[in-house]
């Protein structure tokens, strides 16, 4: 069933195997979208895919340029990117510096 959340090209969600990313995947999937979840753990991606029939997965570390380029080449027609993958750095900002935030 098409809704206002249904996109023609599909939805790619980084960090989509668990937590908030997986909640996004469930919502877009229930709206009838093609959903691709991406993450670093093949095991977590497989577990998520087994609970949502028909979603696609991609193992990638989005902090690695070649992985990002491969995802763009593999899924060129997505309509929505949910950039949910994150990195946790435990240090005061003044100790991290600008270089610590670059990917």
N, C-alpha and C. Protein backbone atom coordinates (compact mmCIF):
# COMPACT_ATOMS: atom_id res chain seq x y z
N UNK A 1 0.83 -1.17 0.00
CA UNK A 1 0.00 0.00 0.00
C UNK A 1 0.88 1.24 0.00
N UNK A 2 0.68 2.12 -0.97
CA UNK A 2 1.47 3.35 -1.06
C UNK A 2 0.98 4.37 -0.04
N UNK A 3 1.95 5.05 0.59
CA UNK A 3 1.65 6.12 1.54
C UNK A 3 2.58 7.28 1.23
N UNK A 4 2.51 8.34 2.05
CA UNK A 4 3.41 9.48 1.86
C UNK A 4 4.85 9.09 2.15
N UNK A 5 5.09 7.91 2.74
CA UNK A 5 6.45 7.44 3.01
C UNK A 5 6.97 6.51 1.93
N UNK A 6 6.18 6.25 0.88
CA UNK A 6 6.59 5.33 -0.17
C UNK A 6 7.40 6.08 -1.24
N UNK A 7 8.62 5.62 -1.48
CA UNK A 7 9.52 6.23 -2.45
C UNK A 7 9.76 5.27 -3.60
N UNK A 8 9.94 5.81 -4.79
CA UNK A 8 10.15 4.96 -5.97
C UNK A 8 11.50 4.26 -5.95
N UNK A 9 12.55 4.94 -5.54
CA UNK A 9 13.89 4.37 -5.64
C UNK A 9 14.34 3.56 -4.45
N UNK A 10 13.70 3.68 -3.35
CA UNK A 10 14.09 2.92 -2.17
C UNK A 10 14.80 3.78 -1.14
N UNK A 11 15.07 3.14 -0.01
CA UNK A 11 15.64 3.81 1.15
C UNK A 11 16.87 3.04 1.60
N UNK A 12 18.00 3.73 1.73
CA UNK A 12 19.22 3.12 2.25
C UNK A 12 19.47 3.71 3.64
N UNK A 13 19.64 2.81 4.63
CA UNK A 13 19.81 3.23 6.01
C UNK A 13 21.14 2.72 6.53
N UNK A 14 22.06 3.64 6.83
CA UNK A 14 23.32 3.24 7.45
C UNK A 14 23.06 3.00 8.93
N UNK A 15 23.76 2.04 9.51
CA UNK A 15 23.49 1.69 10.89
C UNK A 15 22.08 1.15 11.04
N UNK A 16 21.61 0.42 10.04
CA UNK A 16 20.21 0.01 9.97
C UNK A 16 19.86 -1.33 10.59
N UNK A 17 20.83 -2.02 11.15
CA UNK A 17 20.55 -3.36 11.66
C UNK A 17 19.97 -3.37 13.07
N UNK A 18 20.17 -2.30 13.82
CA UNK A 18 19.71 -2.27 15.21
C UNK A 18 19.22 -0.87 15.57
N UNK A 19 18.58 -0.78 16.71
CA UNK A 19 18.23 0.51 17.30
C UNK A 19 17.36 1.39 16.43
N UNK A 20 17.69 2.68 16.43
CA UNK A 20 16.92 3.68 15.68
C UNK A 20 16.94 3.37 14.19
N UNK A 21 18.10 2.94 13.66
CA UNK A 21 18.19 2.60 12.24
C UNK A 21 17.24 1.49 11.86
N UNK A 22 17.13 0.47 12.72
CA UNK A 22 16.21 -0.63 12.44
C UNK A 22 14.76 -0.17 12.56
N UNK A 23 14.48 0.75 13.47
CA UNK A 23 13.12 1.31 13.57
C UNK A 23 12.75 2.04 12.28
N UNK A 24 13.70 2.80 11.72
CA UNK A 24 13.48 3.44 10.42
C UNK A 24 13.20 2.37 9.36
N UNK A 25 14.00 1.30 9.36
CA UNK A 25 13.83 0.24 8.37
C UNK A 25 12.44 -0.37 8.45
N UNK A 26 11.98 -0.67 9.66
CA UNK A 26 10.64 -1.23 9.84
C UNK A 26 9.56 -0.29 9.30
N UNK A 27 9.68 1.00 9.61
CA UNK A 27 8.68 1.98 9.19
C UNK A 27 8.63 2.11 7.66
N UNK A 28 9.79 2.27 7.04
CA UNK A 28 9.82 2.39 5.57
C UNK A 28 9.40 1.09 4.90
N UNK A 29 9.77 -0.05 5.46
CA UNK A 29 9.39 -1.35 4.92
C UNK A 29 7.88 -1.52 4.99
N UNK A 30 7.26 -1.14 6.10
CA UNK A 30 5.81 -1.30 6.24
C UNK A 30 5.05 -0.37 5.29
N UNK A 31 5.72 0.68 4.81
CA UNK A 31 5.10 1.59 3.84
C UNK A 31 5.28 1.10 2.41
N UNK A 32 5.90 -0.06 2.24
CA UNK A 32 6.04 -0.66 0.92
C UNK A 32 7.30 -0.28 0.16
N UNK A 33 8.29 0.25 0.85
CA UNK A 33 9.53 0.65 0.19
C UNK A 33 10.52 -0.49 0.02
N UNK A 34 11.36 -0.34 -0.97
CA UNK A 34 12.57 -1.14 -1.06
C UNK A 34 13.50 -0.57 0.02
N UNK A 35 13.96 -1.42 0.94
CA UNK A 35 14.80 -0.97 2.04
C UNK A 35 16.13 -1.70 2.01
N UNK A 36 17.20 -0.93 2.10
CA UNK A 36 18.55 -1.48 2.17
C UNK A 36 19.14 -1.02 3.49
N UNK A 37 19.54 -1.98 4.34
CA UNK A 37 20.20 -1.62 5.58
C UNK A 37 21.69 -1.91 5.45
N UNK A 38 22.49 -1.02 5.98
CA UNK A 38 23.94 -1.12 5.86
C UNK A 38 24.55 -1.07 7.25
N UNK A 39 25.58 -1.87 7.45
CA UNK A 39 26.30 -1.86 8.72
C UNK A 39 27.59 -2.64 8.60
N UNK A 40 28.36 -2.64 9.67
CA UNK A 40 29.65 -3.33 9.67
C UNK A 40 29.54 -4.80 10.04
N UNK A 41 28.48 -5.18 10.74
CA UNK A 41 28.33 -6.55 11.24
C UNK A 41 27.41 -7.37 10.36
N UNK A 42 27.99 -8.33 9.65
CA UNK A 42 27.19 -9.20 8.79
C UNK A 42 26.18 -10.00 9.63
N UNK A 43 26.57 -10.38 10.83
CA UNK A 43 25.69 -11.13 11.72
C UNK A 43 24.46 -10.30 12.11
N UNK A 44 24.67 -9.05 12.51
CA UNK A 44 23.55 -8.17 12.89
C UNK A 44 22.65 -7.89 11.69
N UNK A 45 23.25 -7.70 10.51
CA UNK A 45 22.46 -7.46 9.30
C UNK A 45 21.60 -8.67 8.95
N UNK A 46 22.17 -9.87 9.05
CA UNK A 46 21.41 -11.09 8.76
C UNK A 46 20.24 -11.27 9.71
N UNK A 47 20.48 -11.00 10.99
CA UNK A 47 19.42 -11.11 11.99
C UNK A 47 18.29 -10.13 11.68
N UNK A 48 18.64 -8.91 11.33
CA UNK A 48 17.62 -7.90 10.98
C UNK A 48 16.87 -8.31 9.73
N UNK A 49 17.59 -8.79 8.71
CA UNK A 49 16.96 -9.19 7.45
C UNK A 49 16.00 -10.36 7.65
N UNK A 50 16.33 -11.25 8.57
CA UNK A 50 15.45 -12.39 8.84
C UNK A 50 14.14 -11.96 9.49
N UNK A 51 14.13 -10.82 10.14
CA UNK A 51 12.90 -10.37 10.79
C UNK A 51 12.06 -9.43 9.92
N UNK A 52 12.62 -8.96 8.80
CA UNK A 52 11.87 -8.12 7.85
C UNK A 52 12.03 -8.70 6.46
N UNK A 53 11.10 -9.49 6.06
CA UNK A 53 11.17 -10.18 4.77
C UNK A 53 11.32 -9.20 3.61
N UNK A 54 12.32 -9.47 2.77
CA UNK A 54 12.48 -8.69 1.55
C UNK A 54 13.44 -7.51 1.65
N UNK A 55 13.95 -7.20 2.83
CA UNK A 55 14.91 -6.09 2.87
C UNK A 55 16.27 -6.59 2.40
N UNK A 56 17.06 -5.66 1.89
CA UNK A 56 18.39 -5.97 1.40
C UNK A 56 19.42 -5.48 2.41
N UNK A 57 20.60 -6.08 2.35
CA UNK A 57 21.66 -5.68 3.27
C UNK A 57 22.94 -5.39 2.51
N UNK A 58 23.79 -4.60 3.14
CA UNK A 58 25.10 -4.31 2.60
C UNK A 58 26.09 -4.14 3.73
N UNK A 59 27.12 -4.97 3.73
CA UNK A 59 28.16 -4.85 4.75
C UNK A 59 29.11 -3.74 4.30
N UNK A 60 29.25 -2.72 5.14
CA UNK A 60 30.12 -1.60 4.81
C UNK A 60 30.43 -0.80 6.07
N UNK A 61 31.59 -0.19 6.06
CA UNK A 61 31.99 0.77 7.10
C UNK A 61 31.98 2.13 6.43
N UNK A 62 30.99 2.95 6.72
CA UNK A 62 30.84 4.21 6.00
C UNK A 62 31.92 5.23 6.34
N UNK A 63 32.81 4.90 7.27
CA UNK A 63 33.96 5.78 7.51
C UNK A 63 35.08 5.50 6.52
N UNK A 64 34.91 4.46 5.70
CA UNK A 64 35.91 4.07 4.69
C UNK A 64 35.42 4.51 3.31
N UNK A 65 36.20 5.37 2.66
CA UNK A 65 35.79 5.95 1.37
C UNK A 65 35.44 4.89 0.33
N UNK A 66 36.22 3.84 0.23
CA UNK A 66 35.95 2.82 -0.79
C UNK A 66 34.63 2.09 -0.51
N UNK A 67 34.27 1.92 0.75
CA UNK A 67 32.97 1.31 1.08
C UNK A 67 31.83 2.23 0.67
N UNK A 68 31.98 3.54 0.91
CA UNK A 68 30.94 4.49 0.49
C UNK A 68 30.79 4.48 -1.03
N UNK A 69 31.91 4.49 -1.75
CA UNK A 69 31.86 4.47 -3.21
C UNK A 69 31.19 3.20 -3.72
N UNK A 70 31.46 2.06 -3.09
CA UNK A 70 30.86 0.79 -3.50
C UNK A 70 29.34 0.83 -3.28
N UNK A 71 28.90 1.42 -2.17
CA UNK A 71 27.46 1.51 -1.91
C UNK A 71 26.76 2.37 -2.95
N UNK A 72 27.37 3.49 -3.32
CA UNK A 72 26.79 4.37 -4.35
C UNK A 72 26.69 3.62 -5.68
N UNK A 73 27.72 2.85 -6.02
CA UNK A 73 27.69 2.09 -7.27
C UNK A 73 26.67 0.96 -7.22
N UNK A 74 26.55 0.31 -6.06
CA UNK A 74 25.66 -0.83 -5.93
C UNK A 74 24.18 -0.42 -5.85
N UNK A 75 23.92 0.74 -5.27
CA UNK A 75 22.54 1.20 -5.07
C UNK A 75 22.39 2.63 -5.61
N UNK A 76 22.49 2.83 -6.93
CA UNK A 76 22.50 4.18 -7.48
C UNK A 76 21.13 4.86 -7.51
N UNK A 77 20.06 4.10 -7.32
CA UNK A 77 18.72 4.65 -7.53
C UNK A 77 17.95 4.91 -6.23
N UNK A 78 18.62 5.01 -5.10
CA UNK A 78 17.88 5.26 -3.86
C UNK A 78 17.29 6.67 -3.85
N UNK A 79 16.15 6.80 -3.21
CA UNK A 79 15.50 8.11 -3.08
C UNK A 79 15.82 8.78 -1.76
N UNK A 80 16.04 7.96 -0.73
CA UNK A 80 16.30 8.50 0.61
C UNK A 80 17.53 7.82 1.20
N UNK A 81 18.40 8.63 1.77
CA UNK A 81 19.53 8.13 2.56
C UNK A 81 19.29 8.54 4.00
N UNK A 82 19.20 7.57 4.89
CA UNK A 82 19.15 7.84 6.33
C UNK A 82 20.54 7.54 6.85
N UNK A 83 21.30 8.59 7.10
CA UNK A 83 22.69 8.45 7.52
C UNK A 83 22.74 8.34 9.04
N UNK A 84 22.45 7.13 9.52
CA UNK A 84 22.28 6.86 10.94
C UNK A 84 23.54 6.31 11.60
N UNK A 85 24.49 5.83 10.80
CA UNK A 85 25.72 5.26 11.39
C UNK A 85 26.46 6.34 12.15
N UNK A 86 27.04 5.94 13.26
CA UNK A 86 27.73 6.94 14.07
C UNK A 86 29.01 6.40 14.67
N UNK A 87 29.72 7.31 15.25
CA UNK A 87 30.99 7.01 15.90
C UNK A 87 30.97 7.69 17.25
N UNK A 88 31.32 6.99 18.27
CA UNK A 88 31.37 7.57 19.59
C UNK A 88 32.82 7.78 20.00
N UNK A 89 33.15 9.02 20.29
CA UNK A 89 34.48 9.37 20.76
C UNK A 89 34.33 9.89 22.18
N UNK A 90 35.00 9.25 23.11
CA UNK A 90 34.89 9.66 24.51
C UNK A 90 36.10 10.51 24.87
N UNK A 91 35.91 11.80 24.69
CA UNK A 91 36.95 12.78 25.01
C UNK A 91 36.33 14.17 24.92
N UNK A 92 36.86 15.12 25.66
CA UNK A 92 36.37 16.50 25.51
C UNK A 92 36.67 17.03 24.12
N UNK A 93 35.77 17.86 23.57
CA UNK A 93 35.95 18.39 22.22
C UNK A 93 37.30 19.04 22.02
N UNK A 94 37.78 19.79 22.99
CA UNK A 94 39.04 20.50 22.81
C UNK A 94 40.23 19.53 22.69
N UNK A 95 40.05 18.28 23.08
CA UNK A 95 41.14 17.30 22.93
C UNK A 95 41.06 16.51 21.62
N UNK A 96 39.90 16.51 21.00
CA UNK A 96 39.73 15.77 19.75
C UNK A 96 40.33 16.56 18.59
N UNK A 97 40.01 17.83 18.49
CA UNK A 97 40.51 18.67 17.42
C UNK A 97 39.78 18.41 16.11
N UNK A 98 39.98 19.29 15.15
CA UNK A 98 39.29 19.21 13.86
C UNK A 98 39.60 17.92 13.13
N UNK A 99 40.83 17.44 13.18
CA UNK A 99 41.20 16.23 12.46
C UNK A 99 40.44 15.01 12.97
N UNK A 100 40.05 15.01 14.22
CA UNK A 100 39.30 13.89 14.78
C UNK A 100 37.90 13.75 14.24
N UNK A 101 37.37 14.78 13.62
CA UNK A 101 36.02 14.74 13.07
C UNK A 101 36.02 14.45 11.57
N UNK A 102 37.14 14.42 10.95
CA UNK A 102 37.20 14.18 9.50
C UNK A 102 37.09 12.70 9.21
N UNK A 103 36.39 12.38 8.13
CA UNK A 103 36.27 10.99 7.66
C UNK A 103 37.03 10.87 6.38
